[in-house]
Amino acid sequence: MPSGDEGGLPSALQWNRIIIYDPVPEWWIREADAQLQRELVVIRLETMQKILQVQSEGLAAAMNVLRQ
């Protein structure tokens, strides 16, 4: 989804954040035991950490291209 202030950039250069949804419904997590809940939270955090790392690498690559 564009941020709303794209400064006349072509659509290929506009920010388009992709939201990745967790497939496990919240009601199911609330019904799980405490150990499983902890494990699922760890998985969620690890997934978000990896996503943010890839996004960071992509931004760094884009900045390098723009600096050339």
PDB file of N, CA and C in Angstrom:
ATOM      1  N   MET A   1       0.849  -1.175   0.000  1.00  0.00           N
ATOM      2  CA  MET A   1       0.000   0.000   0.000  1.00  0.00           C
ATOM      3  C   MET A   1       0.892   1.234   0.000  1.00  0.00           C
ATOM      4  N   PRO A   2       0.730   2.148  -0.914  1.00  0.00           N
ATOM      5  CA  PRO A   2       1.532   3.354  -0.942  1.00  0.00           C
ATOM      6  C   PRO A   2       1.368   4.165   0.336  1.00  0.00           C
ATOM      7  N   SER A   3       2.428   4.881   0.706  1.00  0.00           N
ATOM      8  CA  SER A   3       2.394   5.649   1.948  1.00  0.00           C
ATOM      9  C   SER A   3       1.554   6.910   1.839  1.00  0.00           C
ATOM     10  N   GLY A   4       1.270   7.369   0.625  1.00  0.00           N
ATOM     11  CA  GLY A   4       0.443   8.553   0.465  1.00  0.00           C
ATOM     12  C   GLY A   4       1.232   9.771   0.018  1.00  0.00           C
ATOM     13  N   ASP A   5       2.534   9.837   0.283  1.00  0.00           N
ATOM     14  CA  ASP A   5       3.373  10.952  -0.135  1.00  0.00           C
ATOM     15  C   ASP A   5       4.523  10.390  -0.943  1.00  0.00           C
ATOM     16  N   GLU A   6       4.286  10.157  -2.222  1.00  0.00           N
ATOM     17  CA  GLU A   6       5.273   9.489  -3.073  1.00  0.00           C
ATOM     18  C   GLU A   6       6.101  10.467  -3.882  1.00  0.00           C
ATOM     19  N   GLY A   7       5.803  11.754  -3.824  1.00  0.00           N
ATOM     20  CA  GLY A   7       6.600  12.751  -4.499  1.00  0.00           C
ATOM     21  C   GLY A   7       6.704  12.584  -6.000  1.00  0.00           C
ATOM     22  N   GLY A   8       5.679  12.059  -6.644  1.00  0.00           N
ATOM     23  CA  GLY A   8       5.688  11.916  -8.084  1.00  0.00           C
ATOM     24  C   GLY A   8       6.547  10.778  -8.607  1.00  0.00           C
ATOM     25  N   LEU A   9       6.935   9.846  -7.751  1.00  0.00           N
ATOM     26  CA  LEU A   9       7.747   8.710  -8.181  1.00  0.00           C
ATOM     27  C   LEU A   9       6.934   7.759  -9.049  1.00  0.00           C
ATOM     28  N   PRO A  10       7.580   7.085  -9.998  1.00  0.00           N
ATOM     29  CA  PRO A  10       6.891   6.039 -10.750  1.00  0.00           C
ATOM     30  C   PRO A  10       6.417   4.943  -9.796  1.00  0.00           C
ATOM     31  N   SER A  11       5.367   4.246 -10.171  1.00  0.00           N
ATOM     32  CA  SER A  11       4.792   3.235  -9.272  1.00  0.00           C
ATOM     33  C   SER A  11       5.808   2.178  -8.868  1.00  0.00           C
ATOM     34  N   ALA A  12       6.780   1.874  -9.734  1.00  0.00           N
ATOM     35  CA  ALA A  12       7.788   0.861  -9.408  1.00  0.00           C
ATOM     36  C   ALA A  12       8.697   1.300  -8.268  1.00  0.00           C
ATOM     37  N   LEU A  13       8.769   2.613  -8.022  1.00  0.00           N
ATOM     38  CA  LEU A  13       9.632   3.123  -6.955  1.00  0.00           C
ATOM     39  C   LEU A  13       8.866   3.548  -5.707  1.00  0.00           C
ATOM     40  N   GLN A  14       7.558   3.428  -5.735  1.00  0.00           N
ATOM     41  CA  GLN A  14       6.757   3.808  -4.577  1.00  0.00           C
ATOM     42  C   GLN A  14       6.812   2.724  -3.507  1.00  0.00           C
ATOM     43  N   TRP A  15       6.794   3.149  -2.256  1.00  0.00           N
ATOM     44  CA  TRP A  15       6.814   2.222  -1.124  1.00  0.00           C
ATOM     45  C   TRP A  15       5.534   1.413  -1.125  1.00  0.00           C
ATOM     46  N   ASN A  16       5.670   0.088  -1.082  1.00  0.00           N
ATOM     47  CA  ASN A  16       4.515  -0.805  -1.078  1.00  0.00           C
ATOM     48  C   ASN A  16       4.788  -1.894  -0.055  1.00  0.00           C
ATOM     49  N   ARG A  17       4.382  -1.651   1.164  1.00  0.00           N
ATOM     50  CA  ARG A  17       4.648  -2.584   2.250  1.00  0.00           C
ATOM     51  C   ARG A  17       3.754  -3.812   2.116  1.00  0.00           C
ATOM     52  N   ILE A  18       4.374  -4.961   2.116  1.00  0.00           N
ATOM     53  CA  ILE A  18       3.636  -6.214   2.027  1.00  0.00           C
ATOM     54  C   ILE A  18       3.438  -6.742   3.444  1.00  0.00           C
ATOM     55  N   ILE A  19       2.200  -6.971   3.798  1.00  0.00           N
ATOM     56  CA  ILE A  19       1.887  -7.482   5.132  1.00  0.00           C
ATOM     57  C   ILE A  19       1.841  -8.993   5.062  1.00  0.00           C
ATOM     58  N   ILE A  20       2.583  -9.624   5.948  1.00  0.00           N
ATOM     59  CA  ILE A  20       2.594 -11.081   6.006  1.00  0.00           C
ATOM     60  C   ILE A  20       1.766 -11.492   7.225  1.00  0.00           C
ATOM     61  N   TYR A  21       0.720 -12.229   6.978  1.00  0.00           N
ATOM     62  CA  TYR A  21      -0.181 -12.627   8.049  1.00  0.00           C
ATOM     63  C   TYR A  21       0.255 -13.942   8.672  1.00  0.00           C
ATOM     64  N   ASP A  22       0.093 -14.045   9.972  1.00  0.00           N
ATOM     65  CA  ASP A  22       0.372 -15.279  10.688  1.00  0.00           C
ATOM     66  C   ASP A  22      -0.841 -16.184  10.502  1.00  0.00           C
ATOM     67  N   PRO A  23      -0.648 -17.411  10.025  1.00  0.00           N
ATOM     68  CA  PRO A  23      -1.794 -18.273   9.733  1.00  0.00           C
ATOM     69  C   PRO A  23      -2.473 -18.868  10.967  1.00  0.00           C
ATOM     70  N   VAL A  24      -1.887 -18.718  12.137  1.00  0.00           N
ATOM     71  CA  VAL A  24      -2.487 -19.312  13.341  1.00  0.00           C
ATOM     72  C   VAL A  24      -3.463 -18.309  13.952  1.00  0.00           C
ATOM     73  N   PRO A  25      -4.747 -18.667  14.055  1.00  0.00           N
ATOM     74  CA  PRO A  25      -5.732 -17.733  14.609  1.00  0.00           C
ATOM     75  C   PRO A  25      -5.510 -17.514  16.111  1.00  0.00           C
ATOM     76  N   GLU A  26      -5.810 -16.296  16.544  1.00  0.00           N
ATOM     77  CA  GLU A  26      -5.606 -15.933  17.955  1.00  0.00           C
ATOM     78  C   GLU A  26      -6.407 -16.821  18.905  1.00  0.00           C
ATOM     79  N   TRP A  27      -7.630 -17.177  18.528  1.00  0.00           N
ATOM     80  CA  TRP A  27      -8.440 -17.997  19.435  1.00  0.00           C
ATOM     81  C   TRP A  27      -7.764 -19.342  19.684  1.00  0.00           C
ATOM     82  N   TRP A  28      -7.071 -19.866  18.694  1.00  0.00           N
ATOM     83  CA  TRP A  28      -6.396 -21.158  18.851  1.00  0.00           C
ATOM     84  C   TRP A  28      -5.219 -21.025  19.801  1.00  0.00           C
ATOM     85  N   ILE A  29      -4.501 -19.918  19.682  1.00  0.00           N
ATOM     86  CA  ILE A  29      -3.353 -19.692  20.564  1.00  0.00           C
ATOM     87  C   ILE A  29      -3.810 -19.555  22.007  1.00  0.00           C
ATOM     88  N   ARG A  30      -4.907 -18.837  22.219  1.00  0.00           N
ATOM     89  CA  ARG A  30      -5.401 -18.643  23.597  1.00  0.00           C
ATOM     90  C   ARG A  30      -5.801 -19.971  24.240  1.00  0.00           C
ATOM     91  N   GLU A  31      -6.233 -20.930  23.433  1.00  0.00           N
ATOM     92  CA  GLU A  31      -6.646 -22.231  23.956  1.00  0.00           C
ATOM     93  C   GLU A  31      -5.471 -23.180  24.193  1.00  0.00           C
ATOM     94  N   ALA A  32      -4.302 -22.873  23.636  1.00  0.00           N
ATOM     95  CA  ALA A  32      -3.129 -23.741  23.771  1.00  0.00           C
ATOM     96  C   ALA A  32      -2.540 -23.601  25.175  1.00  0.00           C
ATOM     97  N   ASP A  33      -1.772 -24.623  25.587  1.00  0.00           N
ATOM     98  CA  ASP A  33      -1.145 -24.546  26.906  1.00  0.00           C
ATOM     99  C   ASP A  33       0.006 -23.532  26.879  1.00  0.00           C
ATOM    100  N   ALA A  34       0.496 -23.161  28.052  1.00  0.00           N
ATOM    101  CA  ALA A  34       1.487 -22.095  28.189  1.00  0.00           C
ATOM    102  C   ALA A  34       2.773 -22.397  27.421  1.00  0.00           C
ATOM    103  N   GLN A  35       3.241 -23.634  27.450  1.00  0.00           N
ATOM    104  CA  GLN A  35       4.474 -23.984  26.745  1.00  0.00           C
ATOM    105  C   GLN A  35       4.316 -23.799  25.235  1.00  0.00           C
ATOM    106  N   LEU A  36       3.210 -24.252  24.699  1.00  0.00           N
ATOM    107  CA  LEU A  36       2.970 -24.098  23.260  1.00  0.00           C
ATOM    108  C   LEU A  36       2.825 -22.619  22.890  1.00  0.00           C
ATOM    109  N   GLN A  37       2.183 -21.846  23.744  1.00  0.00           N
ATOM    110  CA  GLN A  37       2.062 -20.420  23.491  1.00  0.00           C
ATOM    111  C   GLN A  37       3.446 -19.770  23.409  1.00  0.00           C
ATOM    112  N   ARG A  38       4.338 -20.128  24.328  1.00  0.00           N
ATOM    113  CA  ARG A  38       5.697 -19.585  24.307  1.00  0.00           C
ATOM    114  C   ARG A  38       6.415 -19.964  23.018  1.00  0.00           C
ATOM    115  N   GLU A  39       6.278 -21.226  22.616  1.00  0.00           N
ATOM    116  CA  GLU A  39       6.927 -21.688  21.389  1.00  0.00           C
ATOM    117  C   GLU A  39       6.401 -20.922  20.170  1.00  0.00           C
ATOM    118  N   LEU A  40       5.098 -20.697  20.117  1.00  0.00           N
ATOM    119  CA  LEU A  40       4.514 -19.963  19.003  1.00  0.00           C
ATOM    120  C   LEU A  40       4.963 -18.503  18.984  1.00  0.00           C
ATOM    121  N   VAL A  41       5.099 -17.907  20.157  1.00  0.00           N
ATOM    122  CA  VAL A  41       5.582 -16.530  20.229  1.00  0.00           C
ATOM    123  C   VAL A  41       7.024 -16.451  19.730  1.00  0.00           C
ATOM    124  N   VAL A  42       7.843 -17.419  20.110  1.00  0.00           N
ATOM    125  CA  VAL A  42       9.224 -17.455  19.625  1.00  0.00           C
ATOM    126  C   VAL A  42       9.249 -17.565  18.102  1.00  0.00           C
ATOM    127  N   ILE A  43       8.412 -18.422  17.546  1.00  0.00           N
ATOM    128  CA  ILE A  43       8.348 -18.580  16.094  1.00  0.00           C
ATOM    129  C   ILE A  43       7.928 -17.268  15.437  1.00  0.00           C
ATOM    130  N   ARG A  44       6.922 -16.606  15.986  1.00  0.00           N
ATOM    131  CA  ARG A  44       6.467 -15.330  15.441  1.00  0.00           C
ATOM    132  C   ARG A  44       7.588 -14.297  15.474  1.00  0.00           C
ATOM    133  N   LEU A  45       8.291 -14.207  16.600  1.00  0.00           N
ATOM    134  CA  LEU A  45       9.367 -13.225  16.723  1.00  0.00           C
ATOM    135  C   LEU A  45      10.519 -13.531  15.770  1.00  0.00           C
ATOM    136  N   GLU A  46      10.872 -14.793  15.646  1.00  0.00           N
ATOM    137  CA  GLU A  46      11.934 -15.172  14.711  1.00  0.00           C
ATOM    138  C   GLU A  46      11.538 -14.841  13.274  1.00  0.00           C
ATOM    139  N   THR A  47      10.274 -15.090  12.941  1.00  0.00           N
ATOM    140  CA  THR A  47       9.789 -14.785  11.596  1.00  0.00           C
ATOM    141  C   THR A  47       9.854 -13.286  11.331  1.00  0.00           C
ATOM    142  N   MET A  48       9.373 -12.484  12.268  1.00  0.00           N
ATOM    143  CA  MET A  48       9.412 -11.038  12.098  1.00  0.00           C
ATOM    144  C   MET A  48      10.854 -10.546  12.003  1.00  0.00           C
ATOM    145  N   GLN A  49      11.753 -11.121  12.788  1.00  0.00           N
ATOM    146  CA  GLN A  49      13.156 -10.728  12.744  1.00  0.00           C
ATOM    147  C   GLN A  49      13.749 -10.997  11.355  1.00  0.00           C
ATOM    148  N   LYS A  50      13.434 -12.154  10.793  1.00  0.00           N
ATOM    149  CA  LYS A  50      13.928 -12.490   9.455  1.00  0.00           C
ATOM    150  C   LYS A  50      13.335 -11.552   8.399  1.00  0.00           C
ATOM    151  N   ILE A  51      12.056 -11.263   8.510  1.00  0.00           N
ATOM    152  CA  ILE A  51      11.402 -10.361   7.562  1.00  0.00           C
ATOM    153  C   ILE A  51      12.052  -8.983   7.624  1.00  0.00           C
ATOM    154  N   LEU A  52      12.265  -8.477   8.830  1.00  0.00           N
ATOM    155  CA  LEU A  52      12.881  -7.167   8.978  1.00  0.00           C
ATOM    156  C   LEU A  52      14.314  -7.158   8.449  1.00  0.00           C
ATOM    157  N   GLN A  53      15.047  -8.252   8.626  1.00  0.00           N
ATOM    158  CA  GLN A  53      16.409  -8.351   8.104  1.00  0.00           C
ATOM    159  C   GLN A  53      16.406  -8.289   6.578  1.00  0.00           C
ATOM    160  N   VAL A  54      15.499  -9.035   5.961  1.00  0.00           N
ATOM    161  CA  VAL A  54      15.411  -9.025   4.494  1.00  0.00           C
ATOM    162  C   VAL A  54      14.998  -7.639   4.000  1.00  0.00           C
ATOM    163  N   GLN A  55      14.056  -6.999   4.673  1.00  0.00           N
ATOM    164  CA  GLN A  55      13.645  -5.655   4.282  1.00  0.00           C
ATOM    165  C   GLN A  55      14.812  -4.682   4.418  1.00  0.00           C
ATOM    166  N   SER A  56      15.573  -4.808   5.478  1.00  0.00           N
ATOM    167  CA  SER A  56      16.733  -3.946   5.689  1.00  0.00           C
ATOM    168  C   SER A  56      17.766  -4.138   4.582  1.00  0.00           C
ATOM    169  N   GLU A  57      18.011  -5.389   4.212  1.00  0.00           N
ATOM    170  CA  GLU A  57      18.953  -5.664   3.132  1.00  0.00           C
ATOM    171  C   GLU A  57      18.446  -5.095   1.800  1.00  0.00           C
ATOM    172  N   GLY A  58      17.167  -5.191   1.569  1.00  0.00           N
ATOM    173  CA  GLY A  58      16.583  -4.642   0.354  1.00  0.00           C
ATOM    174  C   GLY A  58      16.705  -3.120   0.307  1.00  0.00           C
ATOM    175  N   LEU A  59      16.462  -2.479   1.436  1.00  0.00           N
ATOM    176  CA  LEU A  59      16.604  -1.021   1.495  1.00  0.00           C
ATOM    177  C   LEU A  59      18.049  -0.608   1.276  1.00  0.00           C
ATOM    178  N   ALA A  60      18.983  -1.338   1.860  1.00  0.00           N
ATOM    179  CA  ALA A  60      20.406  -1.037   1.680  1.00  0.00           C
ATOM    180  C   ALA A  60      20.797  -1.187   0.209  1.00  0.00           C
ATOM    181  N   ALA A  61      20.306  -2.217  -0.444  1.00  0.00           N
ATOM    182  CA  ALA A  61      20.600  -2.429  -1.865  1.00  0.00           C
ATOM    183  C   ALA A  61      20.008  -1.297  -2.703  1.00  0.00           C
ATOM    184  N   ALA A  62      18.782  -0.883  -2.387  1.00  0.00           N
ATOM    185  CA  ALA A  62      18.149   0.217  -3.128  1.00  0.00           C
ATOM    186  C   ALA A  62      18.925   1.507  -2.939  1.00  0.00           C
ATOM    187  N   MET A  63      19.386   1.761  -1.717  1.00  0.00           N
ATOM    188  CA  MET A  63      20.177   2.977  -1.473  1.00  0.00           C
ATOM    189  C   MET A  63      21.477   2.936  -2.266  1.00  0.00           C
ATOM    190  N   ASN A  64      22.110   1.781  -2.352  1.00  0.00           N
ATOM    191  CA  ASN A  64      23.343   1.647  -3.119  1.00  0.00           C
ATOM    192  C   ASN A  64      23.093   1.950  -4.594  1.00  0.00           C
ATOM    193  N   VAL A  65      21.980   1.471  -5.120  1.00  0.00           N
ATOM    194  CA  VAL A  65      21.642   1.745  -6.523  1.00  0.00           C
ATOM    195  C   VAL A  65      21.426   3.243  -6.735  1.00  0.00           C
ATOM    196  N   LEU A  66      20.708   3.867  -5.822  1.00  0.00           N
ATOM    197  CA  LEU A  66      20.419   5.289  -5.960  1.00  0.00           C
ATOM    198  C   LEU A  66      21.665   6.153  -5.795  1.00  0.00           C
ATOM    199  N   ARG A  67      22.640   5.676  -5.052  1.00  0.00           N
ATOM    200  CA  ARG A  67      23.875   6.441  -4.825  1.00  0.00           C
ATOM    201  C   ARG A  67      24.827   6.359  -6.018  1.00  0.00           C
ATOM    202  N   GLN A  68      24.620   5.428  -6.907  1.00  0.00           N
ATOM    203  CA  GLN A  68      25.531   5.262  -8.047  1.00  0.00           C
ATOM    204  C   GLN A  68      25.310   6.333  -9.093  1.00  0.00           C
TER     205      GLN A  68
END
